[in-house]
PDB file of N, CA and C in Angstrom:
ATOM      1  N   UNK A   1      91.945  96.904 116.465  1.00  0.00           N
ATOM      2  CA  UNK A   1      91.153  95.929 115.746  1.00  0.00           C
ATOM      3  C   UNK A   1      91.767  95.698 114.364  1.00  0.00           C
ATOM      4  N   UNK A   2      91.937  94.455 113.995  1.00  0.00           N
ATOM      5  CA  UNK A   2      92.532  94.123 112.702  1.00  0.00           C
ATOM      6  C   UNK A   2      91.586  94.492 111.565  1.00  0.00           C
ATOM      7  N   UNK A   3      92.189  94.903 110.452  1.00  0.00           N
ATOM      8  CA  UNK A   3      91.450  95.285 109.251  1.00  0.00           C
ATOM      9  C   UNK A   3      91.695  94.207 108.199  1.00  0.00           C
ATOM     10  N   UNK A   4      90.621  93.599 107.708  1.00  0.00           N
ATOM     11  CA  UNK A   4      90.696  92.581 106.653  1.00  0.00           C
ATOM     12  C   UNK A   4      90.134  93.181 105.375  1.00  0.00           C
ATOM     13  N   UNK A   5      90.907  93.121 104.306  1.00  0.00           N
ATOM     14  CA  UNK A   5      90.465  93.650 103.018  1.00  0.00           C
ATOM     15  C   UNK A   5      90.616  92.598 101.931  1.00  0.00           C
ATOM     16  N   UNK A   6      89.666  92.615 101.020  1.00  0.00           N
ATOM     17  CA  UNK A   6      89.769  91.871  99.773  1.00  0.00           C
ATOM     18  C   UNK A   6      89.603  92.900  98.668  1.00  0.00           C
ATOM     19  N   UNK A   7      90.586  92.986  97.791  1.00  0.00           N
ATOM     20  CA  UNK A   7      90.586  94.005  96.740  1.00  0.00           C
ATOM     21  C   UNK A   7      90.618  93.305  95.387  1.00  0.00           C
ATOM     22  N   UNK A   8      89.658  93.648  94.536  1.00  0.00           N
ATOM     23  CA  UNK A   8      89.569  93.068  93.196  1.00  0.00           C
ATOM     24  C   UNK A   8      89.973  94.111  92.167  1.00  0.00           C
ATOM     25  N   UNK A   9      90.883  93.719  91.277  1.00  0.00           N
ATOM     26  CA  UNK A   9      91.346  94.598  90.210  1.00  0.00           C
ATOM     27  C   UNK A   9      91.204  93.868  88.886  1.00  0.00           C
ATOM     28  N   UNK A  10      90.730  94.569  87.870  1.00  0.00           N
ATOM     29  CA  UNK A  10      90.590  93.970  86.539  1.00  0.00           C
ATOM     30  C   UNK A  10      91.456  94.751  85.563  1.00  0.00           C
ATOM     31  N   UNK A  11      92.402  94.046  84.981  1.00  0.00           N
ATOM     32  CA  UNK A  11      93.328  94.636  84.027  1.00  0.00           C
ATOM     33  C   UNK A  11      92.671  94.809  82.665  1.00  0.00           C
ATOM     34  N   UNK A  12      93.121  95.813  81.938  1.00  0.00           N
ATOM     35  CA  UNK A  12      92.812  95.861  80.512  1.00  0.00           C
ATOM     36  C   UNK A  12      93.543  94.672  79.885  1.00  0.00           C
ATOM     37  N   UNK A  13      92.946  94.065  78.873  1.00  0.00           N
ATOM     38  CA  UNK A  13      93.492  92.832  78.284  1.00  0.00           C
ATOM     39  C   UNK A  13      94.952  92.979  77.863  1.00  0.00           C
ATOM     40  N   UNK A  14      95.307  94.121  77.319  1.00  0.00           N
ATOM     41  CA  UNK A  14      96.668  94.324  76.816  1.00  0.00           C
ATOM     42  C   UNK A  14      97.683  94.616  77.924  1.00  0.00           C
ATOM     43  N   UNK A  15      97.218  94.767  79.172  1.00  0.00           N
ATOM     44  CA  UNK A  15      98.109  95.170  80.265  1.00  0.00           C
ATOM     45  C   UNK A  15      98.288  94.113  81.350  1.00  0.00           C
ATOM     46  N   UNK A  16      97.839  92.894  81.109  1.00  0.00           N
ATOM     47  CA  UNK A  16      97.851  91.881  82.168  1.00  0.00           C
ATOM     48  C   UNK A  16      99.251  91.671  82.740  1.00  0.00           C
ATOM     49  N   UNK A  17     100.236  91.450  81.906  1.00  0.00           N
ATOM     50  CA  UNK A  17     101.588  91.162  82.407  1.00  0.00           C
ATOM     51  C   UNK A  17     102.223  92.377  83.077  1.00  0.00           C
ATOM     52  N   UNK A  18     102.005  93.549  82.513  1.00  0.00           N
ATOM     53  CA  UNK A  18     102.548  94.762  83.132  1.00  0.00           C
ATOM     54  C   UNK A  18     101.908  95.002  84.492  1.00  0.00           C
ATOM     55  N   UNK A  19     100.590  94.840  84.562  1.00  0.00           N
ATOM     56  CA  UNK A  19      99.906  95.023  85.842  1.00  0.00           C
ATOM     57  C   UNK A  19     100.395  93.992  86.852  1.00  0.00           C
ATOM     58  N   UNK A  20     100.505  92.747  86.437  1.00  0.00           N
ATOM     59  CA  UNK A  20     100.973  91.702  87.352  1.00  0.00           C
ATOM     60  C   UNK A  20     102.339  92.059  87.930  1.00  0.00           C
ATOM     61  N   UNK A  21     103.232  92.541  87.103  1.00  0.00           N
ATOM     62  CA  UNK A  21     104.558  92.933  87.559  1.00  0.00           C
ATOM     63  C   UNK A  21     104.478  94.048  88.603  1.00  0.00           C
ATOM     64  N   UNK A  22     103.661  95.039  88.347  1.00  0.00           N
ATOM     65  CA  UNK A  22     103.523  96.164  89.290  1.00  0.00           C
ATOM     66  C   UNK A  22     102.868  95.709  90.592  1.00  0.00           C
ATOM     67  N   UNK A  23     101.895  94.821  90.508  1.00  0.00           N
ATOM     68  CA  UNK A  23     101.229  94.322  91.710  1.00  0.00           C
ATOM     69  C   UNK A  23     102.176  93.473  92.549  1.00  0.00           C
ATOM     70  N   UNK A  24     103.024  92.691  91.905  1.00  0.00           N
ATOM     71  CA  UNK A  24     104.005  91.883  92.632  1.00  0.00           C
ATOM     72  C   UNK A  24     104.971  92.781  93.405  1.00  0.00           C
ATOM     73  N   UNK A  25     105.304  93.921  92.836  1.00  0.00           N
ATOM     74  CA  UNK A  25     106.163  94.876  93.541  1.00  0.00           C
ATOM     75  C   UNK A  25     105.439  95.451  94.759  1.00  0.00           C
ATOM     76  N   UNK A  26     104.136  95.711  94.630  1.00  0.00           N
ATOM     77  CA  UNK A  26     103.358  96.183  95.784  1.00  0.00           C
ATOM     78  C   UNK A  26     103.391  95.153  96.912  1.00  0.00           C
ATOM     79  N   UNK A  27     103.322  93.880  96.561  1.00  0.00           N
ATOM     80  CA  UNK A  27     103.371  92.815  97.567  1.00  0.00           C
ATOM     81  C   UNK A  27     104.696  92.869  98.327  1.00  0.00           C
ATOM     82  N   UNK A  28     105.781  92.986  97.593  1.00  0.00           N
ATOM     83  CA  UNK A  28     107.106  93.035  98.229  1.00  0.00           C
ATOM     84  C   UNK A  28     107.197  94.211  99.190  1.00  0.00           C
ATOM     85  N   UNK A  29     106.805  95.389  98.722  1.00  0.00           N
ATOM     86  CA  UNK A  29     106.910  96.592  99.547  1.00  0.00           C
ATOM     87  C   UNK A  29     105.944  96.559 100.729  1.00  0.00           C
ATOM     88  N   UNK A  30     104.711  96.154 100.475  1.00  0.00           N
ATOM     89  CA  UNK A  30     103.692  96.169 101.530  1.00  0.00           C
ATOM     90  C   UNK A  30     104.026  95.204 102.656  1.00  0.00           C
ATOM     91  N   UNK A  31     104.561  94.045 102.316  1.00  0.00           N
ATOM     92  CA  UNK A  31     104.899  93.063 103.346  1.00  0.00           C
ATOM     93  C   UNK A  31     106.037  93.518 104.254  1.00  0.00           C
ATOM     94  N   UNK A  32     106.736  94.575 103.886  1.00  0.00           N
ATOM     95  CA  UNK A  32     107.788  95.146 104.732  1.00  0.00           C
ATOM     96  C   UNK A  32     107.220  96.084 105.795  1.00  0.00           C
ATOM     97  N   UNK A  33     105.983  96.502 105.628  1.00  0.00           N
ATOM     98  CA  UNK A  33     105.393  97.463 106.563  1.00  0.00           C
ATOM     99  C   UNK A  33     105.099  96.799 107.906  1.00  0.00           C
ATOM    100  N   UNK A  34     105.346  97.539 108.973  1.00  0.00           N
ATOM    101  CA  UNK A  34     105.188  97.021 110.331  1.00  0.00           C
ATOM    102  C   UNK A  34     103.761  96.537 110.591  1.00  0.00           C
ATOM    103  N   UNK A  35     102.773  97.266 110.135  1.00  0.00           N
ATOM    104  CA  UNK A  35     101.370  96.936 110.426  1.00  0.00           C
ATOM    105  C   UNK A  35     100.788  95.881 109.490  1.00  0.00           C
ATOM    106  N   UNK A  36     101.561  95.448 108.506  1.00  0.00           N
ATOM    107  CA  UNK A  36     101.069  94.456 107.543  1.00  0.00           C
ATOM    108  C   UNK A  36     101.193  93.052 108.128  1.00  0.00           C
ATOM    109  N   UNK A  37     100.056  92.393 108.274  1.00  0.00           N
ATOM    110  CA  UNK A  37     100.041  91.017 108.759  1.00  0.00           C
ATOM    111  C   UNK A  37      99.910  90.028 107.606  1.00  0.00           C
ATOM    112  N   UNK A  38      99.278  90.466 106.531  1.00  0.00           N
ATOM    113  CA  UNK A  38      99.145  89.632 105.329  1.00  0.00           C
ATOM    114  C   UNK A  38      98.878  90.544 104.147  1.00  0.00           C
ATOM    115  N   UNK A  39      99.536  90.256 103.041  1.00  0.00           N
ATOM    116  CA  UNK A  39      99.324  91.007 101.797  1.00  0.00           C
ATOM    117  C   UNK A  39      99.650  90.053 100.660  1.00  0.00           C
ATOM    118  N   UNK A  40      98.640  89.312 100.235  1.00  0.00           N
ATOM    119  CA  UNK A  40      98.825  88.267  99.232  1.00  0.00           C
ATOM    120  C   UNK A  40      98.114  88.634  97.945  1.00  0.00           C
ATOM    121  N   UNK A  41      98.738  88.297  96.841  1.00  0.00           N
ATOM    122  CA  UNK A  41      98.171  88.545  95.517  1.00  0.00           C
ATOM    123  C   UNK A  41      97.768  87.223  94.885  1.00  0.00           C
ATOM    124  N   UNK A  42      96.564  87.198  94.329  1.00  0.00           N
ATOM    125  CA  UNK A  42      96.061  86.024  93.613  1.00  0.00           C
ATOM    126  C   UNK A  42      95.599  86.464  92.232  1.00  0.00           C
ATOM    127  N   UNK A  43      95.603  85.519  91.298  1.00  0.00           N
ATOM    128  CA  UNK A  43      95.129  85.773  89.937  1.00  0.00           C
ATOM    129  C   UNK A  43      94.071  84.727  89.617  1.00  0.00           C
ATOM    130  N   UNK A  44      92.980  85.170  89.045  1.00  0.00           N
ATOM    131  CA  UNK A  44      91.889  84.263  88.699  1.00  0.00           C
ATOM    132  C   UNK A  44      92.344  83.237  87.667  1.00  0.00           C
ATOM    133  N   UNK A  45      91.998  81.985  87.889  1.00  0.00           N
ATOM    134  CA  UNK A  45      92.284  80.940  86.904  1.00  0.00           C
ATOM    135  C   UNK A  45      91.313  81.032  85.735  1.00  0.00           C
ATOM    136  N   UNK A  46      90.104  81.468  86.016  1.00  0.00           N
ATOM    137  CA  UNK A  46      89.070  81.567  84.983  1.00  0.00           C
ATOM    138  C   UNK A  46      89.282  82.781  84.085  1.00  0.00           C
ATOM    139  N   UNK A  47      89.706  83.887  84.691  1.00  0.00           N
ATOM    140  CA  UNK A  47      89.903  85.136  83.952  1.00  0.00           C
ATOM    141  C   UNK A  47      91.224  85.757  84.389  1.00  0.00           C
ATOM    142  N   UNK A  48      92.316  85.538  83.643  1.00  0.00           N
ATOM    143  CA  UNK A  48      93.638  86.018  84.054  1.00  0.00           C
ATOM    144  C   UNK A  48      93.768  87.534  84.166  1.00  0.00           C
ATOM    145  N   UNK A  49      92.768  88.268  83.721  1.00  0.00           N
ATOM    146  CA  UNK A  49      92.825  89.724  83.870  1.00  0.00           C
ATOM    147  C   UNK A  49      92.356  90.174  85.254  1.00  0.00           C
ATOM    148  N   UNK A  50      91.877  89.238  86.067  1.00  0.00           N
ATOM    149  CA  UNK A  50      91.378  89.568  87.404  1.00  0.00           C
ATOM    150  C   UNK A  50      92.428  89.201  88.448  1.00  0.00           C
ATOM    151  N   UNK A  51      92.774  90.191  89.268  1.00  0.00           N
ATOM    152  CA  UNK A  51      93.717  90.017  90.365  1.00  0.00           C
ATOM    153  C   UNK A  51      92.998  90.323  91.669  1.00  0.00           C
ATOM    154  N   UNK A  52      93.385  89.597  92.714  1.00  0.00           N
ATOM    155  CA  UNK A  52      92.730  89.746  94.011  1.00  0.00           C
ATOM    156  C   UNK A  52      93.803  89.840  95.088  1.00  0.00           C
ATOM    157  N   UNK A  53      93.705  90.890  95.897  1.00  0.00           N
ATOM    158  CA  UNK A  53      94.557  91.019  97.073  1.00  0.00           C
ATOM    159  C   UNK A  53      93.777  90.558  98.293  1.00  0.00           C
ATOM    160  N   UNK A  54      94.435  89.780  99.150  1.00  0.00           N
ATOM    161  CA  UNK A  54      93.920  89.465 100.479  1.00  0.00           C
ATOM    162  C   UNK A  54      94.870  90.160 101.447  1.00  0.00           C
ATOM    163  N   UNK A  55      94.321  91.088 102.220  1.00  0.00           N
ATOM    164  CA  UNK A  55      95.147  91.899 103.107  1.00  0.00           C
ATOM    165  C   UNK A  55      94.626  91.820 104.536  1.00  0.00           C
ATOM    166  N   UNK A  56      95.550  91.809 105.484  1.00  0.00           N
ATOM    167  CA  UNK A  56      95.208  91.976 106.895  1.00  0.00           C
ATOM    168  C   UNK A  56      96.177  93.005 107.464  1.00  0.00           C
ATOM    169  N   UNK A  57      95.600  94.018 108.096  1.00  0.00           N
ATOM    170  CA  UNK A  57      96.372  95.099 108.705  1.00  0.00           C
ATOM    171  C   UNK A  57      96.138  95.100 110.204  1.00  0.00           C
ATOM    172  N   UNK A  58      97.162  95.467 110.946  1.00  0.00           N
ATOM    173  CA  UNK A  58      97.092  95.479 112.408  1.00  0.00           C
ATOM    174  C   UNK A  58      95.954  96.370 112.906  1.00  0.00           C
ATOM    175  N   UNK A  59      95.794  97.529 112.273  1.00  0.00           N
ATOM    176  CA  UNK A  59      94.746  98.463 112.693  1.00  0.00           C
ATOM    177  C   UNK A  59      94.555  99.521 111.607  1.00  0.00           C
ATOM    178  N   UNK A  60      93.600 100.408 111.825  1.00  0.00           N
ATOM    179  CA  UNK A  60      93.301 101.440 110.833  1.00  0.00           C
ATOM    180  C   UNK A  60      94.479 102.384 110.630  1.00  0.00           C
ATOM    181  N   UNK A  61      95.187 102.702 111.712  1.00  0.00           N
ATOM    182  CA  UNK A  61      96.355 103.581 111.573  1.00  0.00           C
ATOM    183  C   UNK A  61      97.393 102.967 110.630  1.00  0.00           C
ATOM    184  N   UNK A  62      97.626 101.664 110.764  1.00  0.00           N
ATOM    185  CA  UNK A  62      98.576 100.989 109.883  1.00  0.00           C
ATOM    186  C   UNK A  62      98.128 101.004 108.439  1.00  0.00           C
ATOM    187  N   UNK A  63      96.829 100.813 108.213  1.00  0.00           N
ATOM    188  CA  UNK A  63      96.294 100.865 106.852  1.00  0.00           C
ATOM    189  C   UNK A  63      96.410 102.275 106.288  1.00  0.00           C
ATOM    190  N   UNK A  64      96.144 103.273 107.121  1.00  0.00           N
ATOM    191  CA  UNK A  64      96.268 104.665 106.668  1.00  0.00           C
ATOM    192  C   UNK A  64      97.706 104.979 106.259  1.00  0.00           C
ATOM    193  N   UNK A  65      98.661 104.506 107.048  1.00  0.00           N
ATOM    194  CA  UNK A  65     100.075 104.709 106.709  1.00  0.00           C
ATOM    195  C   UNK A  65     100.383 104.023 105.378  1.00  0.00           C
ATOM    196  N   UNK A  66      99.897 102.802 105.213  1.00  0.00           N
ATOM    197  CA  UNK A  66     100.093 102.064 103.956  1.00  0.00           C
ATOM    198  C   UNK A  66      99.558 102.853 102.767  1.00  0.00           C
ATOM    199  N   UNK A  67      98.335 103.340 102.895  1.00  0.00           N
ATOM    200  CA  UNK A  67      97.698 104.047 101.779  1.00  0.00           C
ATOM    201  C   UNK A  67      98.393 105.354 101.421  1.00  0.00           C
ATOM    202  N   UNK A  68      99.243 105.850 102.315  1.00  0.00           N
ATOM    203  CA  UNK A  68      99.980 107.085 102.045  1.00  0.00           C
ATOM    204  C   UNK A  68     101.434 106.847 101.649  1.00  0.00           C
ATOM    205  N   UNK A  69     101.823 105.581 101.486  1.00  0.00           N
ATOM    206  CA  UNK A  69     103.184 105.281 101.038  1.00  0.00           C
ATOM    207  C   UNK A  69     103.362 105.763  99.599  1.00  0.00           C
ATOM    208  N   UNK A  70     104.552 106.210  99.268  1.00  0.00           N
ATOM    209  CA  UNK A  70     104.802 106.727  97.917  1.00  0.00           C
ATOM    210  C   UNK A  70     104.573 105.660  96.855  1.00  0.00           C
ATOM    211  N   UNK A  71     104.919 104.407  97.129  1.00  0.00           N
ATOM    212  CA  UNK A  71     104.727 103.370  96.107  1.00  0.00           C
ATOM    213  C   UNK A  71     103.245 103.079  95.858  1.00  0.00           C
ATOM    214  N   UNK A  72     102.401 103.271  96.862  1.00  0.00           N
ATOM    215  CA  UNK A  72     100.950 103.114  96.665  1.00  0.00           C
ATOM    216  C   UNK A  72     100.417 104.296  95.867  1.00  0.00           C
ATOM    217  N   UNK A  73     100.827 105.487  96.226  1.00  0.00           N
ATOM    218  CA  UNK A  73     100.393 106.684  95.478  1.00  0.00           C
ATOM    219  C   UNK A  73     100.861 106.606  94.027  1.00  0.00           C
ATOM    220  N   UNK A  74     102.092 106.149  93.814  1.00  0.00           N
ATOM    221  CA  UNK A  74     102.616 106.011  92.448  1.00  0.00           C
ATOM    222  C   UNK A  74     101.798 105.007  91.646  1.00  0.00           C
ATOM    223  N   UNK A  75     101.426 103.888  92.283  1.00  0.00           N
ATOM    224  CA  UNK A  75     100.616 102.893  91.577  1.00  0.00           C
ATOM    225  C   UNK A  75      99.265 103.481  91.176  1.00  0.00           C
ATOM    226  N   UNK A  76      98.607 104.157  92.098  1.00  0.00           N
ATOM    227  CA  UNK A  76      97.287 104.706  91.767  1.00  0.00           C
ATOM    228  C   UNK A  76      97.371 105.804  90.714  1.00  0.00           C
ATOM    229  N   UNK A  77      98.514 106.472  90.629  1.00  0.00           N
ATOM    230  CA  UNK A  77      98.685 107.502  89.597  1.00  0.00           C
ATOM    231  C   UNK A  77      98.690 106.896  88.199  1.00  0.00           C
ATOM    232  N   UNK A  78      99.173 105.665  88.056  1.00  0.00           N
ATOM    233  CA  UNK A  78      99.221 105.023  86.737  1.00  0.00           C
ATOM    234  C   UNK A  78      98.119 103.981  86.539  1.00  0.00           C
ATOM    235  N   UNK A  79      97.375 103.691  87.589  1.00  0.00           N
ATOM    236  CA  UNK A  79      96.423 102.574  87.530  1.00  0.00           C
ATOM    237  C   UNK A  79      95.330 102.760  86.482  1.00  0.00           C
ATOM    238  N   UNK A  80      94.929 103.974  86.216  1.00  0.00           N
ATOM    239  CA  UNK A  80      93.861 104.186  85.229  1.00  0.00           C
ATOM    240  C   UNK A  80      94.274 103.727  83.836  1.00  0.00           C
ATOM    241  N   UNK A  81      95.563 103.759  83.553  1.00  0.00           N
ATOM    242  CA  UNK A  81      96.022 103.300  82.238  1.00  0.00           C
ATOM    243  C   UNK A  81      96.094 101.776  82.161  1.00  0.00           C
ATOM    244  N   UNK A  82      96.202 101.109  83.311  1.00  0.00           N
ATOM    245  CA  UNK A  82      96.352  99.653  83.347  1.00  0.00           C
ATOM    246  C   UNK A  82      95.053  98.907  83.628  1.00  0.00           C
ATOM    247  N   UNK A  83      94.169  99.539  84.393  1.00  0.00           N
ATOM    248  CA  UNK A  83      92.960  98.862  84.853  1.00  0.00           C
ATOM    249  C   UNK A  83      91.763  99.144  83.963  1.00  0.00           C
ATOM    250  N   UNK A  84      90.925  98.142  83.826  1.00  0.00           N
ATOM    251  CA  UNK A  84      89.683  98.298  83.069  1.00  0.00           C
ATOM    252  C   UNK A  84      88.640  99.056  83.888  1.00  0.00           C
ATOM    253  N   UNK A  85      88.633  98.818  85.200  1.00  0.00           N
ATOM    254  CA  UNK A  85      87.650  99.425  86.097  1.00  0.00           C
ATOM    255  C   UNK A  85      88.339  99.913  87.358  1.00  0.00           C
ATOM    256  N   UNK A  86      87.601 100.669  88.143  1.00  0.00           N
ATOM    257  CA  UNK A  86      88.072 101.077  89.455  1.00  0.00           C
ATOM    258  C   UNK A  86      88.179  99.836  90.348  1.00  0.00           C
ATOM    259  N   UNK A  87      89.238  99.723  91.154  1.00  0.00           N
ATOM    260  CA  UNK A  87      89.338  98.577  92.062  1.00  0.00           C
ATOM    261  C   UNK A  87      88.121  98.502  92.993  1.00  0.00           C
ATOM    262  N   UNK A  88      87.726  97.287  93.310  1.00  0.00           N
ATOM    263  CA  UNK A  88      86.624  97.060  94.245  1.00  0.00           C
ATOM    264  C   UNK A  88      87.241  96.598  95.554  1.00  0.00           C
ATOM    265  N   UNK A  89      86.948  97.329  96.632  1.00  0.00           N
ATOM    266  CA  UNK A  89      87.524  97.029  97.939  1.00  0.00           C
ATOM    267  C   UNK A  89      86.417  96.567  98.878  1.00  0.00           C
ATOM    268  N   UNK A  90      86.610  95.389  99.454  1.00  0.00           N
ATOM    269  CA  UNK A  90      85.680  94.856 100.448  1.00  0.00           C
ATOM    270  C   UNK A  90      86.403  94.807 101.787  1.00  0.00           C
ATOM    271  N   UNK A  91      85.864  95.519 102.774  1.00  0.00           N
ATOM    272  CA  UNK A  91      86.346  95.399 104.142  1.00  0.00           C
ATOM    273  C   UNK A  91      85.473  94.341 104.808  1.00  0.00           C
ATOM    274  N   UNK A  92      86.102  93.309 105.346  1.00  0.00           N
ATOM    275  CA  UNK A  92      85.335  92.169 105.842  1.00  0.00           C
ATOM    276  C   UNK A  92      85.681  91.842 107.289  1.00  0.00           C
ATOM    277  N   UNK A  93      84.838  91.041 107.885  1.00  0.00           N
ATOM    278  CA  UNK A  93      85.130  90.493 109.207  1.00  0.00           C
ATOM    279  C   UNK A  93      84.869  88.993 109.160  1.00  0.00           C
ATOM    280  N   UNK A  94      85.616  88.291 109.940  1.00  0.00           N
ATOM    281  CA  UNK A  94      85.512  86.831 109.970  1.00  0.00           C
ATOM    282  C   UNK A  94      84.177  86.414 110.584  1.00  0.00           C
ATOM    283  N   UNK A  95      83.534  85.459 109.961  1.00  0.00           N
ATOM    284  CA  UNK A  95      82.286  84.918 110.484  1.00  0.00           C
ATOM    285  C   UNK A  95      82.641  83.810 111.467  1.00  0.00           C
ATOM    286  N   UNK A  96      82.182  83.958 112.673  1.00  0.00           N
ATOM    287  CA  UNK A  96      82.480  82.970 113.733  1.00  0.00           C
ATOM    288  C   UNK A  96      81.316  82.025 113.902  1.00  0.00           C
TER     289      UNK A  96
END
């Protein structure tokens, strides 16, 4: 079963460009993963400190592998210095 995620991240005001750079690198790396069907980064037009990931994973095993990648662990190790709040993760399903 495919996993759909929407992840909201809010940067500290002074870290917007640094965070954007690091998130863009996550996009490059994540899209190389076999189980990654979509991994897109968006930035709010209203509030440039807000970033949103739209992700689709082949299955839970693929997402688990993703979450254990060294580049993901490295990002979360530094994220507290860049982010204003804890990321908000929504697991969703398509409304038919």
